[in-house]
């Protein structure tokens, strides 16, 4: 089984804060050809890409290690109820699990 933790990046947080400004009446009128619309569209497209990556994760947070790396606490989320149930059965079995952690530069293509 492979799980991914895909945090919300600082860049996405920043974009989210700037998008809040678009919820309010603009104090300045922007003509259709104004640069404002181009930069706003680019920001929305960037937000979409970053949100897509952030929502692919199956770990709700990073693994939390305790007992000097001998045990871990993780919150897993399945893409379906059946998958989540299978995770729960695996954890409840009491079997020992081997976990390999890798830090990836980008999300792997399927």
N, C-alpha and C. Protein backbone atom coordinates (compact mmCIF):
# COMPACT_ATOMS: atom_id res chain seq x y z
N UNK A 1 0.84 -1.17 0.00
CA UNK A 1 0.00 0.00 0.00
C UNK A 1 0.89 1.24 0.00
N UNK A 2 0.46 2.24 -0.71
CA UNK A 2 1.20 3.48 -0.79
C UNK A 2 0.29 4.60 -0.33
N UNK A 3 0.82 5.42 0.58
CA UNK A 3 0.06 6.56 1.09
C UNK A 3 0.87 7.83 0.82
N UNK A 4 0.16 8.92 0.61
CA UNK A 4 0.82 10.20 0.35
C UNK A 4 0.31 11.26 1.32
N UNK A 5 1.26 12.03 1.83
CA UNK A 5 0.89 13.22 2.59
C UNK A 5 1.19 14.41 1.69
N UNK A 6 0.18 15.12 1.31
CA UNK A 6 0.33 16.26 0.39
C UNK A 6 -0.19 17.51 1.09
N UNK A 7 0.68 18.19 1.81
CA UNK A 7 0.24 19.35 2.58
C UNK A 7 -0.16 20.53 1.70
N UNK A 8 -0.90 21.42 2.28
CA UNK A 8 -1.22 22.68 1.61
C UNK A 8 0.06 23.52 1.66
N UNK A 9 0.53 23.91 0.52
CA UNK A 9 1.80 24.63 0.44
C UNK A 9 1.64 26.09 0.84
N UNK A 10 2.73 26.74 1.26
CA UNK A 10 2.66 28.17 1.56
C UNK A 10 2.16 28.98 0.36
N UNK A 11 2.54 28.56 -0.85
CA UNK A 11 2.09 29.27 -2.04
C UNK A 11 0.57 29.19 -2.19
N UNK A 12 0.00 28.02 -1.94
CA UNK A 12 -1.45 27.86 -2.03
C UNK A 12 -2.16 28.66 -0.94
N UNK A 13 -1.61 28.69 0.24
CA UNK A 13 -2.18 29.50 1.32
C UNK A 13 -2.20 30.98 0.91
N UNK A 14 -1.10 31.43 0.35
CA UNK A 14 -1.01 32.83 -0.10
C UNK A 14 -2.05 33.13 -1.17
N UNK A 15 -2.20 32.23 -2.14
CA UNK A 15 -3.20 32.43 -3.19
C UNK A 15 -4.59 32.47 -2.58
N UNK A 16 -4.86 31.58 -1.65
CA UNK A 16 -6.17 31.55 -1.00
C UNK A 16 -6.49 32.86 -0.31
N UNK A 17 -5.49 33.44 0.34
CA UNK A 17 -5.70 34.73 1.00
C UNK A 17 -6.00 35.83 -0.03
N UNK A 18 -5.29 35.80 -1.15
CA UNK A 18 -5.52 36.81 -2.20
C UNK A 18 -6.89 36.61 -2.86
N UNK A 19 -7.33 35.36 -2.97
CA UNK A 19 -8.64 35.11 -3.58
C UNK A 19 -9.77 35.68 -2.74
N UNK A 20 -9.55 35.77 -1.44
CA UNK A 20 -10.55 36.37 -0.57
C UNK A 20 -10.90 37.80 -0.99
N UNK A 21 -9.93 38.49 -1.54
CA UNK A 21 -10.17 39.87 -1.99
C UNK A 21 -11.17 39.91 -3.15
N UNK A 22 -11.24 38.82 -3.92
CA UNK A 22 -12.16 38.79 -5.07
C UNK A 22 -13.62 38.59 -4.65
N UNK A 23 -13.83 38.24 -3.40
CA UNK A 23 -15.20 38.03 -2.91
C UNK A 23 -15.93 39.35 -2.65
N UNK A 24 -15.19 40.42 -2.64
CA UNK A 24 -15.76 41.72 -2.31
C UNK A 24 -15.83 42.61 -3.55
N UNK A 25 -16.66 43.61 -3.48
CA UNK A 25 -16.79 44.57 -4.57
C UNK A 25 -15.43 45.22 -4.83
N UNK A 26 -15.05 45.26 -6.09
CA UNK A 26 -13.78 45.89 -6.47
C UNK A 26 -13.94 47.41 -6.39
N UNK A 27 -12.99 48.05 -5.79
CA UNK A 27 -13.04 49.50 -5.65
C UNK A 27 -12.68 50.20 -6.97
N UNK A 28 -12.03 49.45 -7.85
CA UNK A 28 -11.62 50.00 -9.14
C UNK A 28 -12.28 49.18 -10.24
N UNK A 29 -12.83 49.87 -11.23
CA UNK A 29 -13.40 49.17 -12.38
C UNK A 29 -12.25 48.73 -13.29
N UNK A 30 -12.31 47.47 -13.74
CA UNK A 30 -11.29 46.93 -14.62
C UNK A 30 -11.91 46.65 -15.99
N UNK A 31 -11.41 47.32 -16.99
CA UNK A 31 -11.87 47.08 -18.35
C UNK A 31 -11.57 45.64 -18.76
N UNK A 32 -12.33 45.09 -19.71
CA UNK A 32 -12.10 43.70 -20.13
C UNK A 32 -10.66 43.40 -20.55
N UNK A 33 -9.94 44.36 -21.10
CA UNK A 33 -8.56 44.12 -21.54
C UNK A 33 -7.53 44.49 -20.47
N UNK A 34 -7.99 44.84 -19.29
CA UNK A 34 -7.09 45.22 -18.20
C UNK A 34 -6.21 44.02 -17.80
N UNK A 35 -4.97 44.27 -17.47
CA UNK A 35 -4.01 43.25 -17.02
C UNK A 35 -4.53 42.50 -15.78
N UNK A 36 -5.38 43.14 -15.01
CA UNK A 36 -5.98 42.54 -13.81
C UNK A 36 -6.60 41.18 -14.13
N UNK A 37 -7.33 41.10 -15.23
CA UNK A 37 -8.03 39.85 -15.58
C UNK A 37 -7.05 38.75 -15.96
N UNK A 38 -5.98 39.11 -16.65
CA UNK A 38 -4.97 38.12 -17.04
C UNK A 38 -4.28 37.56 -15.80
N UNK A 39 -3.85 38.43 -14.90
CA UNK A 39 -3.15 37.96 -13.70
C UNK A 39 -4.09 37.20 -12.78
N UNK A 40 -5.35 37.60 -12.72
CA UNK A 40 -6.33 36.87 -11.90
C UNK A 40 -6.55 35.47 -12.46
N UNK A 41 -6.68 35.36 -13.78
CA UNK A 41 -6.85 34.05 -14.41
C UNK A 41 -5.64 33.16 -14.14
N UNK A 42 -4.44 33.71 -14.28
CA UNK A 42 -3.22 32.94 -14.02
C UNK A 42 -3.16 32.46 -12.58
N UNK A 43 -3.58 33.33 -11.64
CA UNK A 43 -3.59 32.95 -10.23
C UNK A 43 -4.59 31.82 -9.98
N UNK A 44 -5.78 31.90 -10.59
CA UNK A 44 -6.79 30.86 -10.43
C UNK A 44 -6.31 29.53 -11.01
N UNK A 45 -5.64 29.58 -12.16
CA UNK A 45 -5.12 28.35 -12.77
C UNK A 45 -4.04 27.72 -11.90
N UNK A 46 -3.19 28.55 -11.31
CA UNK A 46 -2.15 28.06 -10.41
C UNK A 46 -2.78 27.44 -9.17
N UNK A 47 -3.80 28.09 -8.63
CA UNK A 47 -4.51 27.56 -7.45
C UNK A 47 -5.12 26.20 -7.77
N UNK A 48 -5.70 26.08 -8.95
CA UNK A 48 -6.31 24.81 -9.36
C UNK A 48 -5.28 23.69 -9.35
N UNK A 49 -4.11 23.94 -9.94
CA UNK A 49 -3.06 22.92 -10.01
C UNK A 49 -2.57 22.54 -8.61
N UNK A 50 -2.36 23.53 -7.76
CA UNK A 50 -1.89 23.26 -6.40
C UNK A 50 -2.95 22.53 -5.57
N UNK A 51 -4.22 22.89 -5.75
CA UNK A 51 -5.30 22.20 -5.04
C UNK A 51 -5.42 20.75 -5.50
N UNK A 52 -5.23 20.53 -6.78
CA UNK A 52 -5.31 19.17 -7.31
C UNK A 52 -4.26 18.28 -6.63
N UNK A 53 -3.05 18.79 -6.49
CA UNK A 53 -1.98 18.03 -5.83
C UNK A 53 -2.31 17.83 -4.35
N UNK A 54 -2.74 18.88 -3.67
CA UNK A 54 -3.04 18.79 -2.23
C UNK A 54 -4.16 17.79 -1.94
N UNK A 55 -5.08 17.64 -2.87
CA UNK A 55 -6.22 16.74 -2.65
C UNK A 55 -5.95 15.31 -3.06
N UNK A 56 -4.77 15.00 -3.57
CA UNK A 56 -4.44 13.62 -3.94
C UNK A 56 -3.93 12.82 -2.75
N UNK A 57 -3.60 13.47 -1.67
CA UNK A 57 -3.03 12.78 -0.52
C UNK A 57 -4.01 11.82 0.13
N UNK A 58 -3.45 10.76 0.73
CA UNK A 58 -4.26 9.80 1.47
C UNK A 58 -3.95 9.82 2.96
N UNK A 59 -2.93 10.58 3.36
CA UNK A 59 -2.63 10.79 4.78
C UNK A 59 -3.14 12.16 5.16
N UNK A 60 -3.88 12.23 6.26
CA UNK A 60 -4.45 13.50 6.68
C UNK A 60 -3.42 14.39 7.38
N UNK A 61 -2.26 13.85 7.66
CA UNK A 61 -1.17 14.59 8.28
C UNK A 61 0.09 13.74 8.17
N UNK A 62 1.23 14.30 8.48
CA UNK A 62 2.47 13.51 8.40
C UNK A 62 2.49 12.44 9.48
N UNK A 63 3.22 11.34 9.26
CA UNK A 63 3.34 10.33 10.32
C UNK A 63 3.96 10.95 11.57
N UNK A 64 3.40 10.65 12.70
CA UNK A 64 3.92 11.15 13.98
C UNK A 64 4.62 9.99 14.68
N UNK A 65 5.92 10.09 14.85
CA UNK A 65 6.71 9.01 15.41
C UNK A 65 6.78 9.12 16.93
N UNK A 66 6.71 7.98 17.58
CA UNK A 66 6.88 7.93 19.03
C UNK A 66 7.76 6.73 19.38
N UNK A 67 8.18 6.66 20.58
CA UNK A 67 9.07 5.59 21.05
C UNK A 67 10.32 5.47 20.19
N UNK A 68 10.97 6.59 19.92
CA UNK A 68 12.21 6.64 19.16
C UNK A 68 12.10 5.91 17.82
N UNK A 69 11.04 6.18 17.10
CA UNK A 69 10.88 5.63 15.75
C UNK A 69 10.34 4.22 15.69
N UNK A 70 9.94 3.65 16.85
CA UNK A 70 9.44 2.27 16.84
C UNK A 70 7.96 2.18 16.53
N UNK A 71 7.24 3.26 16.73
CA UNK A 71 5.82 3.23 16.39
C UNK A 71 5.41 4.59 15.84
N UNK A 72 4.31 4.58 15.14
CA UNK A 72 3.86 5.78 14.46
C UNK A 72 2.35 5.89 14.57
N UNK A 73 1.87 7.11 14.52
CA UNK A 73 0.43 7.36 14.46
C UNK A 73 0.15 8.07 13.14
N UNK A 74 -0.79 7.53 12.37
CA UNK A 74 -1.15 8.14 11.09
C UNK A 74 -2.66 8.10 10.94
N UNK A 75 -3.20 9.13 10.34
CA UNK A 75 -4.63 9.17 10.02
C UNK A 75 -4.73 8.95 8.51
N UNK A 76 -5.34 7.81 8.12
CA UNK A 76 -5.45 7.45 6.72
C UNK A 76 -6.86 7.74 6.21
N UNK A 77 -6.93 8.07 4.93
CA UNK A 77 -8.23 8.31 4.31
C UNK A 77 -8.26 7.50 3.02
N UNK A 78 -9.25 6.63 2.89
CA UNK A 78 -9.39 5.87 1.66
C UNK A 78 -10.18 6.64 0.63
N UNK A 79 -10.03 6.23 -0.62
CA UNK A 79 -10.79 6.89 -1.68
C UNK A 79 -12.21 6.34 -1.77
N UNK A 80 -12.49 5.32 -0.97
CA UNK A 80 -13.84 4.75 -0.90
C UNK A 80 -14.04 4.17 0.49
N UNK A 81 -15.28 3.88 0.84
CA UNK A 81 -15.55 3.27 2.15
C UNK A 81 -14.87 1.91 2.27
N UNK A 82 -14.86 1.16 1.17
CA UNK A 82 -14.25 -0.17 1.18
C UNK A 82 -12.74 -0.08 1.46
N UNK A 83 -12.10 0.89 0.82
CA UNK A 83 -10.66 1.07 1.03
C UNK A 83 -10.38 1.48 2.47
N UNK A 84 -11.17 2.38 3.02
CA UNK A 84 -10.99 2.80 4.40
C UNK A 84 -11.17 1.62 5.35
N UNK A 85 -12.18 0.78 5.11
CA UNK A 85 -12.40 -0.42 5.93
C UNK A 85 -11.20 -1.36 5.87
N UNK A 86 -10.61 -1.50 4.69
CA UNK A 86 -9.44 -2.38 4.56
C UNK A 86 -8.27 -1.84 5.37
N UNK A 87 -8.10 -0.50 5.40
CA UNK A 87 -7.04 0.10 6.22
C UNK A 87 -7.30 -0.19 7.70
N UNK A 88 -8.56 -0.02 8.11
CA UNK A 88 -8.90 -0.25 9.52
C UNK A 88 -8.63 -1.69 9.92
N UNK A 89 -8.97 -2.64 9.08
CA UNK A 89 -8.72 -4.06 9.38
C UNK A 89 -7.22 -4.33 9.49
N UNK A 90 -6.45 -3.71 8.60
CA UNK A 90 -4.99 -3.90 8.61
C UNK A 90 -4.41 -3.41 9.94
N UNK A 91 -4.85 -2.25 10.39
CA UNK A 91 -4.33 -1.67 11.62
C UNK A 91 -4.80 -2.46 12.84
N UNK A 92 -6.04 -2.90 12.84
CA UNK A 92 -6.59 -3.61 13.98
C UNK A 92 -6.06 -5.03 14.11
N UNK A 93 -5.43 -5.56 13.05
CA UNK A 93 -4.94 -6.93 13.10
C UNK A 93 -3.81 -7.11 14.10
N UNK A 94 -3.14 -6.02 14.44
CA UNK A 94 -2.03 -6.10 15.38
C UNK A 94 -0.73 -6.52 14.73
N UNK A 95 -0.75 -6.73 13.41
CA UNK A 95 0.47 -7.10 12.70
C UNK A 95 1.45 -5.94 12.71
N UNK A 96 2.71 -6.30 12.64
CA UNK A 96 3.74 -5.28 12.57
C UNK A 96 3.86 -4.82 11.12
N UNK A 97 3.96 -3.53 10.92
CA UNK A 97 4.04 -2.96 9.58
C UNK A 97 5.42 -2.36 9.36
N UNK A 98 5.94 -2.49 8.16
CA UNK A 98 7.19 -1.84 7.78
C UNK A 98 6.81 -0.63 6.93
N UNK A 99 7.31 0.52 7.33
CA UNK A 99 6.97 1.76 6.64
C UNK A 99 8.24 2.35 6.03
N UNK A 100 8.15 2.68 4.76
CA UNK A 100 9.25 3.33 4.06
C UNK A 100 8.77 4.74 3.71
N UNK A 101 9.54 5.73 4.10
CA UNK A 101 9.15 7.11 3.83
C UNK A 101 10.12 7.70 2.81
N UNK A 102 9.55 8.30 1.78
CA UNK A 102 10.34 9.00 0.77
C UNK A 102 9.80 10.40 0.62
N UNK A 103 10.68 11.34 0.39
CA UNK A 103 10.28 12.73 0.14
C UNK A 103 10.40 12.97 -1.36
N UNK A 104 9.28 13.16 -2.01
CA UNK A 104 9.24 13.30 -3.46
C UNK A 104 9.22 14.77 -3.86
N UNK A 105 9.83 15.07 -5.00
CA UNK A 105 9.80 16.43 -5.52
C UNK A 105 8.50 16.74 -6.23
N UNK A 106 7.83 15.72 -6.75
CA UNK A 106 6.54 15.91 -7.39
C UNK A 106 5.72 14.64 -7.24
N UNK A 107 4.44 14.76 -7.44
CA UNK A 107 3.54 13.63 -7.32
C UNK A 107 3.77 12.68 -8.50
N UNK A 108 3.89 11.37 -8.25
CA UNK A 108 4.16 10.45 -9.34
C UNK A 108 2.98 10.36 -10.32
N UNK A 109 3.30 10.19 -11.59
CA UNK A 109 2.27 9.99 -12.61
C UNK A 109 1.81 8.54 -12.54
N UNK A 110 0.55 8.33 -12.83
CA UNK A 110 0.03 6.94 -12.80
C UNK A 110 0.25 6.26 -14.11
